[in-house]
Amino acid sequence: MFKFSLKKLKKQKNFTKDQESFWLNINFYWEVAVFVMFVIITLSSFFGYYLFVKTNQKLVLETNDTNAQLNTIKKERIDKVLEYFSIKNKKSDQILNSPAPIVDPSL
C-alpha cells in the first residue's frame, strides 16, 4: 500500500493523454465555430431573401388626376430658372476670360 501511494507522488513523464485531450478540445471548438458560422450564413440568406421578396412587391398608387403635376409647372418659373443659369454662365465666362492680376512680391 505504501508503494501505491509513492507511485502517485512521482512526476509523470508522459503527457500524451493531456495533449490528446487538449487537441480534442480544440477540434471541438473549431467544429462549434464552423457550425455557428453555417447557422449565421443560413439565417442571413433567409433574411435577405425575405427582404428581397418584401421590397420587390409592386406598389400601386391610385391617381385620378394625372395632369395635376403638369399644371403646377408653369412656363414663367422655367424661364426664371433658365435666366438665372444664363446669368451665372455669363459671370463664369467673365471670370475665366479676365486676366489674372499679377502680384508683385517686391512691392
PDB file of N, CA and C in Angstrom:
ATOM      1  N   MET A   1       0.824  -1.184   0.000  1.00  0.00           N
ATOM      2  CA  MET A   1       0.000   0.000   0.000  1.00  0.00           C
ATOM      3  C   MET A   1       0.873   1.255   0.000  1.00  0.00           C
ATOM      4  N   PHE A   2       1.982   1.199   0.674  1.00  0.00           N
ATOM      5  CA  PHE A   2       2.904   2.327   0.710  1.00  0.00           C
ATOM      6  C   PHE A   2       3.490   2.597  -0.673  1.00  0.00           C
ATOM      7  N   LYS A   3       3.777   1.560  -1.439  1.00  0.00           N
ATOM      8  CA  LYS A   3       4.313   1.719  -2.779  1.00  0.00           C
ATOM      9  C   LYS A   3       3.265   2.347  -3.698  1.00  0.00           C
ATOM     10  N   PHE A   4       2.076   1.993  -3.498  1.00  0.00           N
ATOM     11  CA  PHE A   4       0.999   2.537  -4.322  1.00  0.00           C
ATOM     12  C   PHE A   4       0.891   4.059  -4.146  1.00  0.00           C
ATOM     13  N   SER A   5       1.019   4.537  -2.947  1.00  0.00           N
ATOM     14  CA  SER A   5       0.926   5.965  -2.702  1.00  0.00           C
ATOM     15  C   SER A   5       2.151   6.703  -3.212  1.00  0.00           C
ATOM     16  N   LEU A   6       3.329   6.032  -3.217  1.00  0.00           N
ATOM     17  CA  LEU A   6       4.523   6.657  -3.738  1.00  0.00           C
ATOM     18  C   LEU A   6       4.453   6.808  -5.255  1.00  0.00           C
ATOM     19  N   LYS A   7       3.813   5.874  -5.905  1.00  0.00           N
ATOM     20  CA  LYS A   7       3.676   5.973  -7.356  1.00  0.00           C
ATOM     21  C   LYS A   7       2.844   7.190  -7.739  1.00  0.00           C
ATOM     22  N   LYS A   8       1.899   7.505  -6.942  1.00  0.00           N
ATOM     23  CA  LYS A   8       1.066   8.675  -7.238  1.00  0.00           C
ATOM     24  C   LYS A   8       1.828   9.978  -7.035  1.00  0.00           C
ATOM     25  N   LEU A   9       2.796   9.991  -6.147  1.00  0.00           N
ATOM     26  CA  LEU A   9       3.546  11.204  -5.863  1.00  0.00           C
ATOM     27  C   LEU A   9       4.666  11.454  -6.867  1.00  0.00           C
ATOM     28  N   LYS A  10       5.037  10.452  -7.645  1.00  0.00           N
ATOM     29  CA  LYS A  10       6.103  10.622  -8.623  1.00  0.00           C
ATOM     30  C   LYS A  10       5.627  11.517  -9.761  1.00  0.00           C
ATOM     31  N   LYS A  11       6.578  12.202 -10.377  1.00  0.00           N
ATOM     32  CA  LYS A  11       6.244  13.066 -11.516  1.00  0.00           C
ATOM     33  C   LYS A  11       5.898  12.216 -12.718  1.00  0.00           C
ATOM     34  N   GLN A  12       4.944  12.652 -13.414  1.00  0.00           N
ATOM     35  CA  GLN A  12       4.535  11.917 -14.608  1.00  0.00           C
ATOM     36  C   GLN A  12       5.363  12.419 -15.783  1.00  0.00           C
ATOM     37  N   LYS A  13       5.985  11.492 -16.496  1.00  0.00           N
ATOM     38  CA  LYS A  13       6.858  11.869 -17.589  1.00  0.00           C
ATOM     39  C   LYS A  13       6.132  11.863 -18.930  1.00  0.00           C
ATOM     40  N   ASN A  14       5.099  11.129 -19.055  1.00  0.00           N
ATOM     41  CA  ASN A  14       4.385  11.006 -20.321  1.00  0.00           C
ATOM     42  C   ASN A  14       3.088  11.807 -20.241  1.00  0.00           C
ATOM     43  N   PHE A  15       2.984  12.835 -21.037  1.00  0.00           N
ATOM     44  CA  PHE A  15       1.809  13.700 -21.005  1.00  0.00           C
ATOM     45  C   PHE A  15       0.957  13.544 -22.259  1.00  0.00           C
ATOM     46  N   THR A  16       0.985  12.415 -22.884  1.00  0.00           N
ATOM     47  CA  THR A  16       0.260  12.244 -24.150  1.00  0.00           C
ATOM     48  C   THR A  16      -1.237  12.345 -23.959  1.00  0.00           C
ATOM     49  N   LYS A  17      -1.747  11.875 -22.859  1.00  0.00           N
ATOM     50  CA  LYS A  17      -3.192  11.945 -22.647  1.00  0.00           C
ATOM     51  C   LYS A  17      -3.649  13.402 -22.534  1.00  0.00           C
ATOM     52  N   ASP A  18      -2.874  14.210 -21.840  1.00  0.00           N
ATOM     53  CA  ASP A  18      -3.247  15.611 -21.690  1.00  0.00           C
ATOM     54  C   ASP A  18      -3.196  16.328 -23.039  1.00  0.00           C
ATOM     55  N   GLN A  19      -2.161  16.036 -23.830  1.00  0.00           N
ATOM     56  CA  GLN A  19      -2.061  16.685 -25.130  1.00  0.00           C
ATOM     57  C   GLN A  19      -3.192  16.237 -26.052  1.00  0.00           C
ATOM     58  N   GLU A  20      -3.531  14.979 -26.007  1.00  0.00           N
ATOM     59  CA  GLU A  20      -4.631  14.499 -26.847  1.00  0.00           C
ATOM     60  C   GLU A  20      -5.940  15.142 -26.426  1.00  0.00           C
ATOM     61  N   SER A  21      -6.171  15.252 -25.150  1.00  0.00           N
ATOM     62  CA  SER A  21      -7.416  15.873 -24.699  1.00  0.00           C
ATOM     63  C   SER A  21      -7.430  17.361 -25.078  1.00  0.00           C
ATOM     64  N   PHE A  22      -6.260  17.986 -25.034  1.00  0.00           N
ATOM     65  CA  PHE A  22      -6.172  19.394 -25.433  1.00  0.00           C
ATOM     66  C   PHE A  22      -6.522  19.542 -26.914  1.00  0.00           C
ATOM     67  N   TRP A  23      -5.983  18.660 -27.757  1.00  0.00           N
ATOM     68  CA  TRP A  23      -6.283  18.728 -29.184  1.00  0.00           C
ATOM     69  C   TRP A  23      -7.726  18.360 -29.462  1.00  0.00           C
ATOM     70  N   LEU A  24      -8.278  17.480 -28.679  1.00  0.00           N
ATOM     71  CA  LEU A  24      -9.692  17.149 -28.859  1.00  0.00           C
ATOM     72  C   LEU A  24     -10.557  18.362 -28.546  1.00  0.00           C
ATOM     73  N   ASN A  25     -10.190  19.128 -27.531  1.00  0.00           N
ATOM     74  CA  ASN A  25     -10.945  20.329 -27.186  1.00  0.00           C
ATOM     75  C   ASN A  25     -10.847  21.368 -28.301  1.00  0.00           C
ATOM     76  N   ILE A  26      -9.660  21.515 -28.885  1.00  0.00           N
ATOM     77  CA  ILE A  26      -9.506  22.477 -29.980  1.00  0.00           C
ATOM     78  C   ILE A  26     -10.357  22.065 -31.166  1.00  0.00           C
ATOM     79  N   ASN A  27     -10.342  20.805 -31.519  1.00  0.00           N
ATOM     80  CA  ASN A  27     -11.178  20.333 -32.624  1.00  0.00           C
ATOM     81  C   ASN A  27     -12.654  20.551 -32.330  1.00  0.00           C
ATOM     82  N   PHE A  28     -13.046  20.349 -31.085  1.00  0.00           N
ATOM     83  CA  PHE A  28     -14.442  20.578 -30.715  1.00  0.00           C
ATOM     84  C   PHE A  28     -14.818  22.041 -30.904  1.00  0.00           C
ATOM     85  N   TYR A  29     -13.941  22.959 -30.473  1.00  0.00           N
ATOM     86  CA  TYR A  29     -14.250  24.377 -30.600  1.00  0.00           C
ATOM     87  C   TYR A  29     -14.270  24.811 -32.068  1.00  0.00           C
ATOM     88  N   TRP A  30     -13.392  24.226 -32.894  1.00  0.00           N
ATOM     89  CA  TRP A  30     -13.434  24.538 -34.318  1.00  0.00           C
ATOM     90  C   TRP A  30     -14.747  24.057 -34.930  1.00  0.00           C
ATOM     91  N   GLU A  31     -15.186  22.877 -34.535  1.00  0.00           N
ATOM     92  CA  GLU A  31     -16.458  22.364 -35.056  1.00  0.00           C
ATOM     93  C   GLU A  31     -17.615  23.259 -34.632  1.00  0.00           C
ATOM     94  N   VAL A  32     -17.578  23.731 -33.397  1.00  0.00           N
ATOM     95  CA  VAL A  32     -18.633  24.637 -32.921  1.00  0.00           C
ATOM     96  C   VAL A  32     -18.589  25.945 -33.711  1.00  0.00           C
ATOM     97  N   ALA A  33     -17.401  26.479 -33.957  1.00  0.00           N
ATOM     98  CA  ALA A  33     -17.272  27.735 -34.699  1.00  0.00           C
ATOM     99  C   ALA A  33     -17.778  27.574 -36.128  1.00  0.00           C
ATOM    100  N   VAL A  34     -17.449  26.464 -36.770  1.00  0.00           N
ATOM    101  CA  VAL A  34     -17.919  26.224 -38.139  1.00  0.00           C
ATOM    102  C   VAL A  34     -19.435  26.076 -38.156  1.00  0.00           C
ATOM    103  N   PHE A  35     -19.979  25.379 -37.188  1.00  0.00           N
ATOM    104  CA  PHE A  35     -21.428  25.209 -37.121  1.00  0.00           C
ATOM    105  C   PHE A  35     -22.135  26.544 -36.899  1.00  0.00           C
ATOM    106  N   VAL A  36     -21.605  27.371 -36.007  1.00  0.00           N
ATOM    107  CA  VAL A  36     -22.218  28.682 -35.734  1.00  0.00           C
ATOM    108  C   VAL A  36     -22.164  29.555 -36.986  1.00  0.00           C
ATOM    109  N   MET A  37     -21.045  29.550 -37.702  1.00  0.00           N
ATOM    110  CA  MET A  37     -20.946  30.338 -38.929  1.00  0.00           C
ATOM    111  C   MET A  37     -21.924  29.836 -39.980  1.00  0.00           C
ATOM    112  N   PHE A  38     -22.079  28.520 -40.082  1.00  0.00           N
ATOM    113  CA  PHE A  38     -23.047  27.952 -41.025  1.00  0.00           C
ATOM    114  C   PHE A  38     -24.463  28.406 -40.692  1.00  0.00           C
ATOM    115  N   VAL A  39     -24.808  28.403 -39.420  1.00  0.00           N
ATOM    116  CA  VAL A  39     -26.145  28.846 -38.997  1.00  0.00           C
ATOM    117  C   VAL A  39     -26.328  30.333 -39.297  1.00  0.00           C
ATOM    118  N   ILE A  40     -25.312  31.146 -39.020  1.00  0.00           N
ATOM    119  CA  ILE A  40     -25.412  32.590 -39.282  1.00  0.00           C
ATOM    120  C   ILE A  40     -25.577  32.861 -40.769  1.00  0.00           C
ATOM    121  N   ILE A  41     -24.806  32.174 -41.603  1.00  0.00           N
ATOM    122  CA  ILE A  41     -24.910  32.375 -43.051  1.00  0.00           C
ATOM    123  C   ILE A  41     -26.272  31.941 -43.559  1.00  0.00           C
ATOM    124  N   THR A  42     -26.782  30.818 -43.061  1.00  0.00           N
ATOM    125  CA  THR A  42     -28.096  30.333 -43.486  1.00  0.00           C
ATOM    126  C   THR A  42     -29.193  31.313 -43.076  1.00  0.00           C
ATOM    127  N   LEU A  43     -29.150  31.776 -41.837  1.00  0.00           N
ATOM    128  CA  LEU A  43     -30.180  32.719 -41.369  1.00  0.00           C
ATOM    129  C   LEU A  43     -30.102  34.045 -42.117  1.00  0.00           C
ATOM    130  N   SER A  44     -28.906  34.538 -42.392  1.00  0.00           N
ATOM    131  CA  SER A  44     -28.798  35.804 -43.121  1.00  0.00           C
ATOM    132  C   SER A  44     -29.273  35.644 -44.563  1.00  0.00           C
ATOM    133  N   SER A  45     -29.087  34.464 -45.152  1.00  0.00           N
ATOM    134  CA  SER A  45     -29.589  34.227 -46.508  1.00  0.00           C
ATOM    135  C   SER A  45     -31.111  34.259 -46.521  1.00  0.00           C
ATOM    136  N   PHE A  46     -31.741  33.593 -45.552  1.00  0.00           N
ATOM    137  CA  PHE A  46     -33.201  33.610 -45.489  1.00  0.00           C
ATOM    138  C   PHE A  46     -33.726  35.016 -45.226  1.00  0.00           C
ATOM    139  N   PHE A  47     -33.054  35.769 -44.355  1.00  0.00           N
ATOM    140  CA  PHE A  47     -33.472  37.133 -44.060  1.00  0.00           C
ATOM    141  C   PHE A  47     -33.327  38.027 -45.294  1.00  0.00           C
ATOM    142  N   GLY A  48     -32.222  37.864 -46.035  1.00  0.00           N
ATOM    143  CA  GLY A  48     -32.036  38.637 -47.266  1.00  0.00           C
ATOM    144  C   GLY A  48     -33.084  38.304 -48.301  1.00  0.00           C
ATOM    145  N   TYR A  49     -33.439  37.026 -48.431  1.00  0.00           N
ATOM    146  CA  TYR A  49     -34.492  36.627 -49.373  1.00  0.00           C
ATOM    147  C   TYR A  49     -35.831  37.212 -48.949  1.00  0.00           C
ATOM    148  N   TYR A  50     -36.108  37.200 -47.644  1.00  0.00           N
ATOM    149  CA  TYR A  50     -37.357  37.770 -47.136  1.00  0.00           C
ATOM    150  C   TYR A  50     -37.442  39.265 -47.454  1.00  0.00           C
ATOM    151  N   LEU A  51     -36.335  39.994 -47.227  1.00  0.00           N
ATOM    152  CA  LEU A  51     -36.337  41.427 -47.538  1.00  0.00           C
ATOM    153  C   LEU A  51     -36.490  41.668 -49.039  1.00  0.00           C
ATOM    154  N   PHE A  52     -35.847  40.825 -49.859  1.00  0.00           N
ATOM    155  CA  PHE A  52     -35.967  40.966 -51.300  1.00  0.00           C
ATOM    156  C   PHE A  52     -37.405  40.777 -51.746  1.00  0.00           C
ATOM    157  N   VAL A  53     -38.068  39.757 -51.245  1.00  0.00           N
ATOM    158  CA  VAL A  53     -39.460  39.490 -51.634  1.00  0.00           C
ATOM    159  C   VAL A  53     -40.360  40.617 -51.143  1.00  0.00           C
ATOM    160  N   LYS A  54     -40.103  41.110 -49.942  1.00  0.00           N
ATOM    161  CA  LYS A  54     -40.948  42.158 -49.374  1.00  0.00           C
ATOM    162  C   LYS A  54     -40.807  43.473 -50.147  1.00  0.00           C
ATOM    163  N   THR A  55     -39.592  43.823 -50.553  1.00  0.00           N
ATOM    164  CA  THR A  55     -39.393  45.084 -51.268  1.00  0.00           C
ATOM    165  C   THR A  55     -39.652  44.963 -52.762  1.00  0.00           C
ATOM    166  N   ASN A  56     -39.747  43.760 -53.269  1.00  0.00           N
ATOM    167  CA  ASN A  56     -39.942  43.561 -54.698  1.00  0.00           C
ATOM    168  C   ASN A  56     -41.422  43.592 -55.091  1.00  0.00           C
ATOM    169  N   GLN A  57     -42.304  43.697 -54.128  1.00  0.00           N
ATOM    170  CA  GLN A  57     -43.728  43.749 -54.440  1.00  0.00           C
ATOM    171  C   GLN A  57     -44.040  45.065 -55.137  1.00  0.00           C
ATOM    172  N   LYS A  58     -44.957  44.995 -56.076  1.00  0.00           N
ATOM    173  CA  LYS A  58     -45.316  46.209 -56.813  1.00  0.00           C
ATOM    174  C   LYS A  58     -46.163  47.119 -55.929  1.00  0.00           C
ATOM    175  N   LEU A  59     -45.841  48.383 -55.990  1.00  0.00           N
ATOM    176  CA  LEU A  59     -46.587  49.376 -55.245  1.00  0.00           C
ATOM    177  C   LEU A  59     -47.551  50.057 -56.201  1.00  0.00           C
ATOM    178  N   VAL A  60     -48.823  49.951 -55.919  1.00  0.00           N
ATOM    179  CA  VAL A  60     -49.837  50.507 -56.806  1.00  0.00           C
ATOM    180  C   VAL A  60     -50.349  51.796 -56.169  1.00  0.00           C
ATOM    181  N   LEU A  61     -50.131  52.892 -56.872  1.00  0.00           N
ATOM    182  CA  LEU A  61     -50.630  54.183 -56.407  1.00  0.00           C
ATOM    183  C   LEU A  61     -51.809  54.583 -57.275  1.00  0.00           C
ATOM    184  N   GLU A  62     -52.879  54.928 -56.629  1.00  0.00           N
ATOM    185  CA  GLU A  62     -54.063  55.344 -57.373  1.00  0.00           C
ATOM    186  C   GLU A  62     -54.044  56.858 -57.537  1.00  0.00           C
ATOM    187  N   THR A  63     -54.024  57.297 -58.782  1.00  0.00           N
ATOM    188  CA  THR A  63     -54.078  58.724 -59.067  1.00  0.00           C
ATOM    189  C   THR A  63     -55.208  58.953 -60.062  1.00  0.00           C
ATOM    190  N   ASN A  64     -56.119  59.766 -59.672  1.00  0.00           N
ATOM    191  CA  ASN A  64     -57.249  60.077 -60.553  1.00  0.00           C
ATOM    192  C   ASN A  64     -56.914  61.226 -61.494  1.00  0.00           C
ATOM    193  N   ASP A  65     -56.146  62.180 -61.004  1.00  0.00           N
ATOM    194  CA  ASP A  65     -55.817  63.352 -61.806  1.00  0.00           C
ATOM    195  C   ASP A  65     -54.344  63.276 -62.202  1.00  0.00           C
ATOM    196  N   THR A  66     -54.063  62.849 -63.417  1.00  0.00           N
ATOM    197  CA  THR A  66     -52.675  62.726 -63.864  1.00  0.00           C
ATOM    198  C   THR A  66     -52.108  64.074 -64.294  1.00  0.00           C
ATOM    199  N   ASN A  67     -52.932  65.040 -64.609  1.00  0.00           N
ATOM    200  CA  ASN A  67     -52.465  66.344 -65.065  1.00  0.00           C
ATOM    201  C   ASN A  67     -52.216  67.314 -63.917  1.00  0.00           C
ATOM    202  N   ALA A  68     -52.420  66.883 -62.692  1.00  0.00           N
ATOM    203  CA  ALA A  68     -52.246  67.775 -61.544  1.00  0.00           C
ATOM    204  C   ALA A  68     -50.790  68.225 -61.435  1.00  0.00           C
ATOM    205  N   GLN A  69     -49.853  67.333 -61.672  1.00  0.00           N
ATOM    206  CA  GLN A  69     -48.452  67.710 -61.576  1.00  0.00           C
ATOM    207  C   GLN A  69     -48.051  68.579 -62.761  1.00  0.00           C
ATOM    208  N   LEU A  70     -48.596  68.296 -63.912  1.00  0.00           N
ATOM    209  CA  LEU A  70     -48.248  69.084 -65.087  1.00  0.00           C
ATOM    210  C   LEU A  70     -48.764  70.511 -64.986  1.00  0.00           C
ATOM    211  N   ASN A  71     -49.865  70.698 -64.310  1.00  0.00           N
ATOM    212  CA  ASN A  71     -50.420  72.035 -64.161  1.00  0.00           C
ATOM    213  C   ASN A  71     -49.619  72.887 -63.182  1.00  0.00           C
ATOM    214  N   THR A  72     -48.908  72.298 -62.265  1.00  0.00           N
ATOM    215  CA  THR A  72     -48.159  73.082 -61.292  1.00  0.00           C
ATOM    216  C   THR A  72     -46.891  73.672 -61.895  1.00  0.00           C
ATOM    217  N   ILE A  73     -46.370  73.076 -62.960  1.00  0.00           N
ATOM    218  CA  ILE A  73     -45.177  73.610 -63.618  1.00  0.00           C
ATOM    219  C   ILE A  73     -45.615  74.670 -64.614  1.00  0.00           C
ATOM    220  N   LYS A  74     -45.133  75.886 -64.400  1.00  0.00           N
ATOM    221  CA  LYS A  74     -45.537  76.988 -65.279  1.00  0.00           C
ATOM    222  C   LYS A  74     -44.343  77.465 -66.083  1.00  0.00           C
ATOM    223  N   LYS A  75     -44.641  78.032 -67.224  1.00  0.00           N
ATOM    224  CA  LYS A  75     -43.597  78.497 -68.136  1.00  0.00           C
ATOM    225  C   LYS A  75     -42.791  79.629 -67.507  1.00  0.00           C
ATOM    226  N   GLU A  76     -43.404  80.478 -66.715  1.00  0.00           N
ATOM    227  CA  GLU A  76     -42.694  81.597 -66.100  1.00  0.00           C
ATOM    228  C   GLU A  76     -41.608  81.101 -65.130  1.00  0.00           C
ATOM    229  N   ARG A  77     -41.944  80.062 -64.397  1.00  0.00           N
ATOM    230  CA  ARG A  77     -40.968  79.520 -63.451  1.00  0.00           C
ATOM    231  C   ARG A  77     -39.777  78.920 -64.192  1.00  0.00           C
ATOM    232  N   ILE A  78     -40.042  78.231 -65.274  1.00  0.00           N
ATOM    233  CA  ILE A  78     -38.962  77.634 -66.064  1.00  0.00           C
ATOM    234  C   ILE A  78     -38.092  78.730 -66.669  1.00  0.00           C
ATOM    235  N   ASP A  79     -38.724  79.783 -67.156  1.00  0.00           N
ATOM    236  CA  ASP A  79     -37.957  80.893 -67.737  1.00  0.00           C
ATOM    237  C   ASP A  79     -37.076  81.569 -66.693  1.00  0.00           C
ATOM    238  N   LYS A  80     -37.578  81.709 -65.471  1.00  0.00           N
ATOM    239  CA  LYS A  80     -36.785  82.314 -64.405  1.00  0.00           C
ATOM    240  C   LYS A  80     -35.542  81.481 -64.108  1.00  0.00           C
ATOM    241  N   VAL A  81     -35.713  80.180 -64.052  1.00  0.00           N
ATOM    242  CA  VAL A  81     -34.578  79.301 -63.761  1.00  0.00           C
ATOM    243  C   VAL A  81     -33.567  79.348 -64.899  1.00  0.00           C
ATOM    244  N   LEU A  82     -34.039  79.336 -66.141  1.00  0.00           N
ATOM    245  CA  LEU A  82     -33.129  79.414 -67.286  1.00  0.00           C
ATOM    246  C   LEU A  82     -32.375  80.741 -67.308  1.00  0.00           C
ATOM    247  N   GLU A  83     -33.059  81.834 -66.959  1.00  0.00           N
ATOM    248  CA  GLU A  83     -32.408  83.139 -66.906  1.00  0.00           C
ATOM    249  C   GLU A  83     -31.334  83.161 -65.808  1.00  0.00           C
ATOM    250  N   TYR A  84     -31.632  82.570 -64.664  1.00  0.00           N
ATOM    251  CA  TYR A  84     -30.662  82.510 -63.566  1.00  0.00           C
ATOM    252  C   TYR A  84     -29.395  81.786 -64.020  1.00  0.00           C
ATOM    253  N   PHE A  85     -29.561  80.647 -64.684  1.00  0.00           N
ATOM    254  CA  PHE A  85     -28.387  79.891 -65.113  1.00  0.00           C
ATOM    255  C   PHE A  85     -27.642  80.583 -66.255  1.00  0.00           C
ATOM    256  N   SER A  86     -28.340  81.316 -67.101  1.00  0.00           N
ATOM    257  CA  SER A  86     -27.626  82.031 -68.161  1.00  0.00           C
ATOM    258  C   SER A  86     -26.798  83.173 -67.571  1.00  0.00           C
ATOM    259  N   ILE A  87     -27.324  83.872 -66.554  1.00  0.00           N
ATOM    260  CA  ILE A  87     -26.557  84.917 -65.877  1.00  0.00           C
ATOM    261  C   ILE A  87     -25.330  84.312 -65.187  1.00  0.00           C
ATOM    262  N   LYS A  88     -25.536  83.178 -64.573  1.00  0.00           N
ATOM    263  CA  LYS A  88     -24.431  82.508 -63.903  1.00  0.00           C
ATOM    264  C   LYS A  88     -23.368  82.076 -64.912  1.00  0.00           C
ATOM    265  N   ASN A  89     -23.789  81.629 -66.081  1.00  0.00           N
ATOM    266  CA  ASN A  89     -22.857  81.226 -67.130  1.00  0.00           C
ATOM    267  C   ASN A  89     -22.055  82.438 -67.633  1.00  0.00           C
ATOM    268  N   LYS A  90     -22.722  83.571 -67.781  1.00  0.00           N
ATOM    269  CA  LYS A  90     -22.026  84.788 -68.225  1.00  0.00           C
ATOM    270  C   LYS A  90     -20.984  85.230 -67.205  1.00  0.00           C
ATOM    271  N   LYS A  91     -21.338  85.161 -65.928  1.00  0.00           N
ATOM    272  CA  LYS A  91     -20.389  85.537 -64.882  1.00  0.00           C
ATOM    273  C   LYS A  91     -19.184  84.595 -64.880  1.00  0.00           C
ATOM    274  N   SER A  92     -19.421  83.315 -65.087  1.00  0.00           N
ATOM    275  CA  SER A  92     -18.316  82.342 -65.124  1.00  0.00           C
ATOM    276  C   SER A  92     -17.399  82.631 -66.294  1.00  0.00           C
ATOM    277  N   ASP A  93     -17.979  82.919 -67.454  1.00  0.00           N
ATOM    278  CA  ASP A  93     -17.154  83.250 -68.623  1.00  0.00           C
ATOM    279  C   ASP A  93     -16.353  84.522 -68.383  1.00  0.00           C
ATOM    280  N   GLN A  94     -16.955  85.511 -67.762  1.00  0.00           N
ATOM    281  CA  GLN A  94     -16.271  86.759 -67.475  1.00  0.00           C
ATOM    282  C   GLN A  94     -15.085  86.528 -66.539  1.00  0.00           C
ATOM    283  N   ILE A  95     -15.258  85.695 -65.540  1.00  0.00           N
ATOM    284  CA  ILE A  95     -14.167  85.406 -64.601  1.00  0.00           C
ATOM    285  C   ILE A  95     -13.049  84.656 -65.300  1.00  0.00           C
ATOM    286  N   LEU A  96     -13.411  83.701 -66.150  1.00  0.00           N
ATOM    287  CA  LEU A  96     -12.395  82.918 -66.851  1.00  0.00           C
ATOM    288  C   LEU A  96     -11.623  83.744 -67.872  1.00  0.00           C
ATOM    289  N   ASN A  97     -12.279  84.690 -68.525  1.00  0.00           N
ATOM    290  CA  ASN A  97     -11.635  85.470 -69.572  1.00  0.00           C
ATOM    291  C   ASN A  97     -10.880  86.683 -69.041  1.00  0.00           C
ATOM    292  N   SER A  98     -11.122  87.101 -67.841  1.00  0.00           N
ATOM    293  CA  SER A  98     -10.414  88.265 -67.307  1.00  0.00           C
ATOM    294  C   SER A  98      -8.983  87.861 -66.950  1.00  0.00           C
ATOM    295  N   PRO A  99      -8.044  88.762 -67.175  1.00  0.00           N
ATOM    296  CA  PRO A  99      -6.646  88.442 -66.875  1.00  0.00           C
ATOM    297  C   PRO A  99      -6.441  88.362 -65.366  1.00  0.00           C
ATOM    298  N   ALA A 100      -5.597  87.442 -64.993  1.00  0.00           N
ATOM    299  CA  ALA A 100      -5.303  87.298 -63.561  1.00  0.00           C
ATOM    300  C   ALA A 100      -4.388  88.433 -63.138  1.00  0.00           C
ATOM    301  N   PRO A 101      -4.657  89.014 -61.996  1.00  0.00           N
ATOM    302  CA  PRO A 101      -3.784  90.106 -61.521  1.00  0.00           C
ATOM    303  C   PRO A 101      -2.414  89.527 -61.146  1.00  0.00           C
ATOM    304  N   ILE A 102      -1.389  90.251 -61.561  1.00  0.00           N
ATOM    305  CA  ILE A 102      -0.029  89.814 -61.266  1.00  0.00           C
ATOM    306  C   ILE A 102       0.378  90.416 -59.934  1.00  0.00           C
ATOM    307  N   VAL A 103       0.695  89.567 -59.042  1.00  0.00           N
ATOM    308  CA  VAL A 103       1.095  90.014 -57.721  1.00  0.00           C
ATOM    309  C   VAL A 103       2.602  90.164 -57.716  1.00  0.00           C
ATOM    310  N   ASP A 104       3.049  91.381 -57.412  1.00  0.00           N
ATOM    311  CA  ASP A 104       4.488  91.644 -57.386  1.00  0.00           C
ATOM    312  C   ASP A 104       4.952  91.577 -55.939  1.00  0.00           C
ATOM    313  N   PRO A 105       5.726  90.558 -55.600  1.00  0.00           N
ATOM    314  CA  PRO A 105       6.148  90.431 -54.198  1.00  0.00           C
ATOM    315  C   PRO A 105       7.155  91.497 -53.773  1.00  0.00           C
ATOM    316  N   SER A 106       7.740  92.226 -54.736  1.00  0.00           N
ATOM    317  CA  SER A 106       8.732  93.231 -54.344  1.00  0.00           C
ATOM    318  C   SER A 106       8.082  94.522 -53.876  1.00  0.00           C
ATOM    319  N   LEU A 107       6.811  94.669 -54.088  1.00  0.00           N
ATOM    320  CA  LEU A 107       6.146  95.911 -53.655  1.00  0.00           C
ATOM    321  C   LEU A 107       5.745  95.876 -52.222  1.00  0.00           C
TER     322      LEU A 107
END
